[in-house]
Amino acid sequence: NFSEPMELGSAGSLITMKNAQGKAIPFVLSYGTKTVKEKQTTDEKRIVLTPRMSLAFNQQFSVTVPAGVQGRQGDLGTQEEWTQMFHTAPPLEARGATWKDGTLQVQLTNTVTSGSFLKHVRLTPEPKNWKESVANGYQDYNGAFSFYPTLEPSTTYTLEVGKDLQDIFGQTILKSFKTTFTTDALPPSVTIR
């Protein structure tokens, strides 16, 4: 984001995107959008860089805005150079799973859809509410896919993540994942009638 509306022509001739080896990545510039009174409108203070080619996964890139990029008005450009590094998505991996307080969490490196998760992740024995719990699950910004299956007490379950699980970038998981866990016993209780 810039503090003033920007001139795409000036920006496009000066801004660069490069890979880790310093090779220039061609891109197209466009204005971003913002929401005003529940409508999307053009935001000339926001410039979007869209690479003209797919960027390789698990790679480092940089975008540099040099001093002198001009806005729509005036003849002063940006005062200082600014460089932002970014990293593309890593390979999809399952890094572990935990069962705690009624929540089953599967640690993944990338975001997956609940549909892909349901197709390629199996819990044995399968809980009665398996499909509903996965459909109502969510994935946090750290990659943990959390859901709430109703599991039986004192039961050993096997969780398997199949090799066809796919992330939102189209990558399939590097290798299948399998783990076993046992749920806690019911706490002792007495009912007097």
C-alpha atoms as a PDB file:
ATOM      1  CA  ASN A   1       0.000   0.000   0.000  1.00  0.00           C
ATOM      2  CA  PHE A   2       1.156   3.499  -0.786  1.00  0.00           C
ATOM      3  CA  SER A   3       0.179   6.732   0.934  1.00  0.00           C
ATOM      4  CA  GLU A   4      -0.958   8.341  -2.344  1.00  0.00           C
ATOM      5  CA  PRO A   5      -2.678   7.138  -5.538  1.00  0.00           C
ATOM      6  CA  MET A   6       0.015   5.633  -7.768  1.00  0.00           C
ATOM      7  CA  GLU A   7       0.830   5.860 -11.462  1.00  0.00           C
ATOM      8  CA  LEU A   8       0.990   2.311 -12.851  1.00  0.00           C
ATOM      9  CA  GLY A   9       3.276   3.280 -15.737  1.00  0.00           C
ATOM     10  CA  SER A  10       5.950   4.719 -13.427  1.00  0.00           C
ATOM     11  CA  ALA A  11       5.619   1.864 -10.997  1.00  0.00           C
ATOM     12  CA  GLY A  12       5.762  -0.827 -13.665  1.00  0.00           C
ATOM     13  CA  SER A  13       8.997   0.465 -15.145  1.00  0.00           C
ATOM     14  CA  LEU A  14      10.772   0.602 -11.765  1.00  0.00           C
ATOM     15  CA  ILE A  15       9.395  -2.146  -9.491  1.00  0.00           C
ATOM     16  CA  THR A  16      11.143  -5.513  -9.794  1.00  0.00           C
ATOM     17  CA  MET A  17      10.347  -9.076  -8.772  1.00  0.00           C
ATOM     18  CA  LYS A  18      13.233 -11.555  -8.596  1.00  0.00           C
ATOM     19  CA  ASN A  19      13.888 -15.130  -7.581  1.00  0.00           C
ATOM     20  CA  ALA A  20      16.589 -16.054  -5.043  1.00  0.00           C
ATOM     21  CA  GLN A  21      19.199 -16.256  -7.820  1.00  0.00           C
ATOM     22  CA  GLY A  22      18.438 -12.665  -8.898  1.00  0.00           C
ATOM     23  CA  LYS A  23      16.586 -13.586 -12.092  1.00  0.00           C
ATOM     24  CA  ALA A  24      13.812 -11.114 -12.957  1.00  0.00           C
ATOM     25  CA  ILE A  25      10.269 -12.488 -12.875  1.00  0.00           C
ATOM     26  CA  PRO A  26       7.940 -10.805 -15.403  1.00  0.00           C
ATOM     27  CA  PHE A  27       4.681  -9.533 -13.940  1.00  0.00           C
ATOM     28  CA  VAL A  28       1.588  -7.473 -14.666  1.00  0.00           C
ATOM     29  CA  LEU A  29       0.616  -4.528 -12.465  1.00  0.00           C
ATOM     30  CA  SER A  30      -2.926  -3.630 -11.597  1.00  0.00           C
ATOM     31  CA  TYR A  31      -4.697  -1.627  -8.945  1.00  0.00           C
ATOM     32  CA  GLY A  32      -6.050  -3.374  -5.898  1.00  0.00           C
ATOM     33  CA  THR A  33      -9.545  -3.074  -4.547  1.00  0.00           C
ATOM     34  CA  LYS A  34     -11.168  -1.888  -1.348  1.00  0.00           C
ATOM     35  CA  THR A  35     -14.635  -2.175   0.080  1.00  0.00           C
ATOM     36  CA  VAL A  36     -16.607   1.063   0.321  1.00  0.00           C
ATOM     37  CA  LYS A  37     -20.212   0.863   1.548  1.00  0.00           C
ATOM     38  CA  GLU A  38     -20.253  -2.899   0.898  1.00  0.00           C
ATOM     39  CA  LYS A  39     -19.050  -2.489  -2.722  1.00  0.00           C
ATOM     40  CA  GLN A  40     -15.670  -3.359  -4.181  1.00  0.00           C
ATOM     41  CA  THR A  41     -13.991  -0.306  -5.722  1.00  0.00           C
ATOM     42  CA  THR A  42     -10.575   0.319  -7.274  1.00  0.00           C
ATOM     43  CA  ASP A  43      -7.886   1.348  -4.796  1.00  0.00           C
ATOM     44  CA  GLU A  44      -5.178   3.336  -6.572  1.00  0.00           C
ATOM     45  CA  LYS A  45      -3.045   3.345  -3.422  1.00  0.00           C
ATOM     46  CA  ARG A  46      -2.703  -0.441  -3.653  1.00  0.00           C
ATOM     47  CA  ILE A  47      -0.724  -2.058  -6.463  1.00  0.00           C
ATOM     48  CA  VAL A  48      -1.024  -5.778  -7.186  1.00  0.00           C
ATOM     49  CA  LEU A  49       1.812  -7.642  -8.900  1.00  0.00           C
ATOM     50  CA  THR A  50       0.688 -10.773 -10.743  1.00  0.00           C
ATOM     51  CA  PRO A  51       3.533 -12.944 -12.102  1.00  0.00           C
ATOM     52  CA  ARG A  52       3.182 -13.851 -15.774  1.00  0.00           C
ATOM     53  CA  MET A  53       4.245 -17.403 -14.956  1.00  0.00           C
ATOM     54  CA  SER A  54       3.690 -19.830 -12.132  1.00  0.00           C
ATOM     55  CA  LEU A  55       6.155 -19.386  -9.307  1.00  0.00           C
ATOM     56  CA  ALA A  56       7.973 -22.522  -8.171  1.00  0.00           C
ATOM     57  CA  PHE A  57       6.874 -23.975  -4.843  1.00  0.00           C
ATOM     58  CA  ASN A  58       9.083 -23.690  -1.771  1.00  0.00           C
ATOM     59  CA  GLN A  59      11.200 -20.857  -3.200  1.00  0.00           C
ATOM     60  CA  GLN A  60      12.261 -17.406  -1.995  1.00  0.00           C
ATOM     61  CA  PHE A  61      11.367 -14.295  -4.037  1.00  0.00           C
ATOM     62  CA  SER A  62      11.653 -10.549  -3.571  1.00  0.00           C
ATOM     63  CA  VAL A  63       9.777  -7.458  -4.714  1.00  0.00           C
ATOM     64  CA  THR A  64      11.688  -4.174  -4.724  1.00  0.00           C
ATOM     65  CA  VAL A  65      10.139  -0.720  -4.944  1.00  0.00           C
ATOM     66  CA  PRO A  66      13.062   1.655  -5.603  1.00  0.00           C
ATOM     67  CA  ALA A  67      13.210   5.319  -4.639  1.00  0.00           C
ATOM     68  CA  GLY A  68      11.543   7.507  -7.259  1.00  0.00           C
ATOM     69  CA  VAL A  69       8.317   5.598  -8.011  1.00  0.00           C
ATOM     70  CA  GLN A  70       5.841   8.407  -8.639  1.00  0.00           C
ATOM     71  CA  GLY A  71       2.273   8.898  -7.615  1.00  0.00           C
ATOM     72  CA  ARG A  72      -0.495  10.269  -9.826  1.00  0.00           C
ATOM     73  CA  GLN A  73       0.159  13.856  -8.736  1.00  0.00           C
ATOM     74  CA  GLY A  74       3.327  15.821  -8.113  1.00  0.00           C
ATOM     75  CA  ASP A  75       6.861  15.137  -9.186  1.00  0.00           C
ATOM     76  CA  LEU A  76       8.215  13.596  -5.997  1.00  0.00           C
ATOM     77  CA  GLY A  77       8.516   9.842  -5.955  1.00  0.00           C
ATOM     78  CA  THR A  78       9.023   7.402  -3.143  1.00  0.00           C
ATOM     79  CA  GLN A  79      11.885   8.578  -0.937  1.00  0.00           C
ATOM     80  CA  GLU A  80      13.505   5.235  -0.080  1.00  0.00           C
ATOM     81  CA  GLU A  81      13.935   1.813  -1.612  1.00  0.00           C
ATOM     82  CA  TRP A  82      11.789  -0.905  -0.071  1.00  0.00           C
ATOM     83  CA  THR A  83      12.254  -4.657  -0.534  1.00  0.00           C
ATOM     84  CA  GLN A  84       9.852  -7.374   0.611  1.00  0.00           C
ATOM     85  CA  MET A  85      10.934 -11.006   0.646  1.00  0.00           C
ATOM     86  CA  PHE A  86       8.344 -13.771   0.364  1.00  0.00           C
ATOM     87  CA  HIS A  87       8.370 -17.537   0.211  1.00  0.00           C
ATOM     88  CA  THR A  88       6.012 -19.655  -1.867  1.00  0.00           C
ATOM     89  CA  ALA A  89       4.132 -22.575  -0.331  1.00  0.00           C
ATOM     90  CA  PRO A  90       6.241 -25.459   0.954  1.00  0.00           C
ATOM     91  CA  PRO A  91       5.505 -29.075   0.006  1.00  0.00           C
ATOM     92  CA  LEU A  92       2.343 -30.423   1.629  1.00  0.00           C
ATOM     93  CA  GLU A  93       3.182 -32.587   4.625  1.00  0.00           C
ATOM     94  CA  ALA A  94       1.335 -34.030   7.601  1.00  0.00           C
ATOM     95  CA  ARG A  95       3.511 -33.290  10.621  1.00  0.00           C
ATOM     96  CA  GLY A  96       1.506 -34.971  13.342  1.00  0.00           C
ATOM     97  CA  ALA A  97      -1.868 -35.358  15.010  1.00  0.00           C
ATOM     98  CA  THR A  98      -3.218 -34.872  18.527  1.00  0.00           C
ATOM     99  CA  TRP A  99      -6.411 -35.812  20.351  1.00  0.00           C
ATOM    100  CA  LYS A 100      -7.183 -33.586  23.338  1.00  0.00           C
ATOM    101  CA  ASP A 101     -10.363 -32.380  25.056  1.00  0.00           C
ATOM    102  CA  GLY A 102     -12.641 -33.644  22.274  1.00  0.00           C
ATOM    103  CA  THR A 103     -10.618 -32.063  19.464  1.00  0.00           C
ATOM    104  CA  LEU A 104      -8.667 -33.986  16.851  1.00  0.00           C
ATOM    105  CA  GLN A 105      -5.976 -31.844  15.223  1.00  0.00           C
ATOM    106  CA  VAL A 106      -3.908 -32.814  12.211  1.00  0.00           C
ATOM    107  CA  GLN A 107      -0.851 -30.597  11.658  1.00  0.00           C
ATOM    108  CA  LEU A 108      -0.404 -29.797   7.959  1.00  0.00           C
ATOM    109  CA  THR A 109       2.076 -27.468   6.281  1.00  0.00           C
ATOM    110  CA  ASN A 110      -0.515 -25.956   3.906  1.00  0.00           C
ATOM    111  CA  THR A 111      -4.221 -25.253   3.751  1.00  0.00           C
ATOM    112  CA  VAL A 112      -6.496 -28.021   2.476  1.00  0.00           C
ATOM    113  CA  THR A 113     -10.230 -28.019   1.848  1.00  0.00           C
ATOM    114  CA  SER A 114     -12.537 -30.049   4.059  1.00  0.00           C
ATOM    115  CA  GLY A 115     -13.640 -31.930   0.902  1.00  0.00           C
ATOM    116  CA  SER A 116     -10.105 -33.084   0.120  1.00  0.00           C
ATOM    117  CA  PHE A 117      -9.527 -33.857   3.797  1.00  0.00           C
ATOM    118  CA  LEU A 118     -12.679 -35.994   3.983  1.00  0.00           C
ATOM    119  CA  LYS A 119     -11.747 -37.951   0.833  1.00  0.00           C
ATOM    120  CA  HIS A 120      -8.174 -38.710   1.838  1.00  0.00           C
ATOM    121  CA  VAL A 121      -8.105 -38.893   5.644  1.00  0.00           C
ATOM    122  CA  ARG A 122      -9.483 -41.940   7.427  1.00  0.00           C
ATOM    123  CA  LEU A 123     -10.082 -42.618  11.113  1.00  0.00           C
ATOM    124  CA  THR A 124     -10.539 -46.266  12.095  1.00  0.00           C
ATOM    125  CA  PRO A 125     -12.888 -47.238  13.607  1.00  0.00           C
ATOM    126  CA  GLU A 126     -14.891 -44.516  11.891  1.00  0.00           C
ATOM    127  CA  PRO A 127     -16.931 -42.360  14.296  1.00  0.00           C
ATOM    128  CA  LYS A 128     -20.656 -42.010  13.584  1.00  0.00           C
ATOM    129  CA  ASN A 129     -20.318 -38.246  13.027  1.00  0.00           C
ATOM    130  CA  TRP A 130     -17.082 -38.425  10.996  1.00  0.00           C
ATOM    131  CA  LYS A 131     -18.328 -36.640   7.861  1.00  0.00           C
ATOM    132  CA  GLU A 132     -20.154 -33.910   9.788  1.00  0.00           C
ATOM    133  CA  SER A 133     -17.192 -33.287  12.099  1.00  0.00           C
ATOM    134  CA  VAL A 134     -14.779 -32.904   9.157  1.00  0.00           C
ATOM    135  CA  ALA A 135     -17.224 -30.719   7.211  1.00  0.00           C
ATOM    136  CA  ASN A 136     -17.558 -28.455  10.263  1.00  0.00           C
ATOM    137  CA  GLY A 137     -13.825 -28.467  10.966  1.00  0.00           C
ATOM    138  CA  TYR A 138     -11.515 -25.543  10.373  1.00  0.00           C
ATOM    139  CA  GLN A 139      -7.875 -24.914   9.644  1.00  0.00           C
ATOM    140  CA  ASP A 140      -5.954 -22.226  11.510  1.00  0.00           C
ATOM    141  CA  TYR A 141      -3.128 -20.053  10.178  1.00  0.00           C
ATOM    142  CA  ASN A 142      -0.541 -22.517  11.530  1.00  0.00           C
ATOM    143  CA  GLY A 143      -1.933 -25.340   9.385  1.00  0.00           C
ATOM    144  CA  ALA A 144      -3.726 -27.291  12.128  1.00  0.00           C
ATOM    145  CA  PHE A 145      -6.948 -28.831  10.790  1.00  0.00           C
ATOM    146  CA  SER A 146      -9.215 -29.168  13.843  1.00  0.00           C
ATOM    147  CA  PHE A 147     -12.480 -31.063  14.090  1.00  0.00           C
ATOM    148  CA  TYR A 148     -14.642 -32.701  16.723  1.00  0.00           C
ATOM    149  CA  PRO A 149     -15.541 -36.334  16.082  1.00  0.00           C
ATOM    150  CA  THR A 150     -17.460 -38.176  18.782  1.00  0.00           C
ATOM    151  CA  LEU A 151     -15.033 -40.893  19.846  1.00  0.00           C
ATOM    152  CA  GLU A 152     -15.662 -43.825  22.154  1.00  0.00           C
ATOM    153  CA  PRO A 153     -13.824 -43.963  25.489  1.00  0.00           C
ATOM    154  CA  SER A 154     -10.919 -46.403  25.989  1.00  0.00           C
ATOM    155  CA  THR A 155     -10.711 -47.049  22.244  1.00  0.00           C
ATOM    156  CA  THR A 156      -7.647 -47.218  20.039  1.00  0.00           C
ATOM    157  CA  TYR A 157      -8.026 -45.258  16.796  1.00  0.00           C
ATOM    158  CA  THR A 158      -5.810 -45.141  13.727  1.00  0.00           C
ATOM    159  CA  LEU A 159      -5.619 -41.912  11.740  1.00  0.00           C
ATOM    160  CA  GLU A 160      -4.360 -42.219   8.168  1.00  0.00           C
ATOM    161  CA  VAL A 161      -3.633 -39.322   5.805  1.00  0.00           C
ATOM    162  CA  GLY A 162      -3.562 -40.680   2.252  1.00  0.00           C
ATOM    163  CA  LYS A 163      -1.032 -39.703  -0.398  1.00  0.00           C
ATOM    164  CA  ASP A 164      -3.712 -38.091  -2.572  1.00  0.00           C
ATOM    165  CA  LEU A 165      -4.579 -35.340  -0.046  1.00  0.00           C
ATOM    166  CA  GLN A 166      -4.315 -32.074  -1.970  1.00  0.00           C
ATOM    167  CA  ASP A 167      -3.697 -28.528  -0.773  1.00  0.00           C
ATOM    168  CA  ILE A 168      -5.317 -25.388  -2.186  1.00  0.00           C
ATOM    169  CA  PHE A 169      -2.293 -24.918  -4.462  1.00  0.00           C
ATOM    170  CA  GLY A 170      -2.826 -28.284  -6.184  1.00  0.00           C
ATOM    171  CA  GLN A 171       0.053 -30.116  -4.502  1.00  0.00           C
ATOM    172  CA  THR A 172      -0.470 -33.622  -3.192  1.00  0.00           C
ATOM    173  CA  ILE A 173       1.077 -34.715   0.071  1.00  0.00           C
ATOM    174  CA  LEU A 174       4.713 -35.871  -0.097  1.00  0.00           C
ATOM    175  CA  LYS A 175       4.101 -39.081   1.833  1.00  0.00           C
ATOM    176  CA  SER A 176       1.203 -40.697   3.612  1.00  0.00           C
ATOM    177  CA  PHE A 177       0.960 -40.336   7.374  1.00  0.00           C
ATOM    178  CA  LYS A 178      -0.339 -42.812   9.950  1.00  0.00           C
ATOM    179  CA  THR A 179      -0.649 -42.576  13.721  1.00  0.00           C
ATOM    180  CA  THR A 180      -2.485 -44.427  16.476  1.00  0.00           C
ATOM    181  CA  PHE A 181      -3.905 -43.038  19.697  1.00  0.00           C
ATOM    182  CA  THR A 182      -6.153 -44.278  22.504  1.00  0.00           C
ATOM    183  CA  THR A 183      -8.924 -42.216  24.016  1.00  0.00           C
ATOM    184  CA  ASP A 184      -9.182 -41.809  27.772  1.00  0.00           C
ATOM    185  CA  ALA A 185     -11.423 -43.992  29.884  1.00  0.00           C
ATOM    186  CA  LEU A 186     -14.624 -42.515  31.199  1.00  0.00           C
ATOM    187  CA  PRO A 187     -14.080 -40.946  34.606  1.00  0.00           C
ATOM    188  CA  PRO A 188     -15.523 -43.045  37.437  1.00  0.00           C
ATOM    189  CA  SER A 189     -18.977 -42.015  38.551  1.00  0.00           C
ATOM    190  CA  VAL A 190     -21.661 -43.222  40.891  1.00  0.00           C
ATOM    191  CA  THR A 191     -25.376 -42.630  40.606  1.00  0.00           C
ATOM    192  CA  ILE A 192     -27.525 -43.314  43.644  1.00  0.00           C
ATOM    193  CA  ARG A 193     -31.237 -43.726  43.153  1.00  0.00           C
END
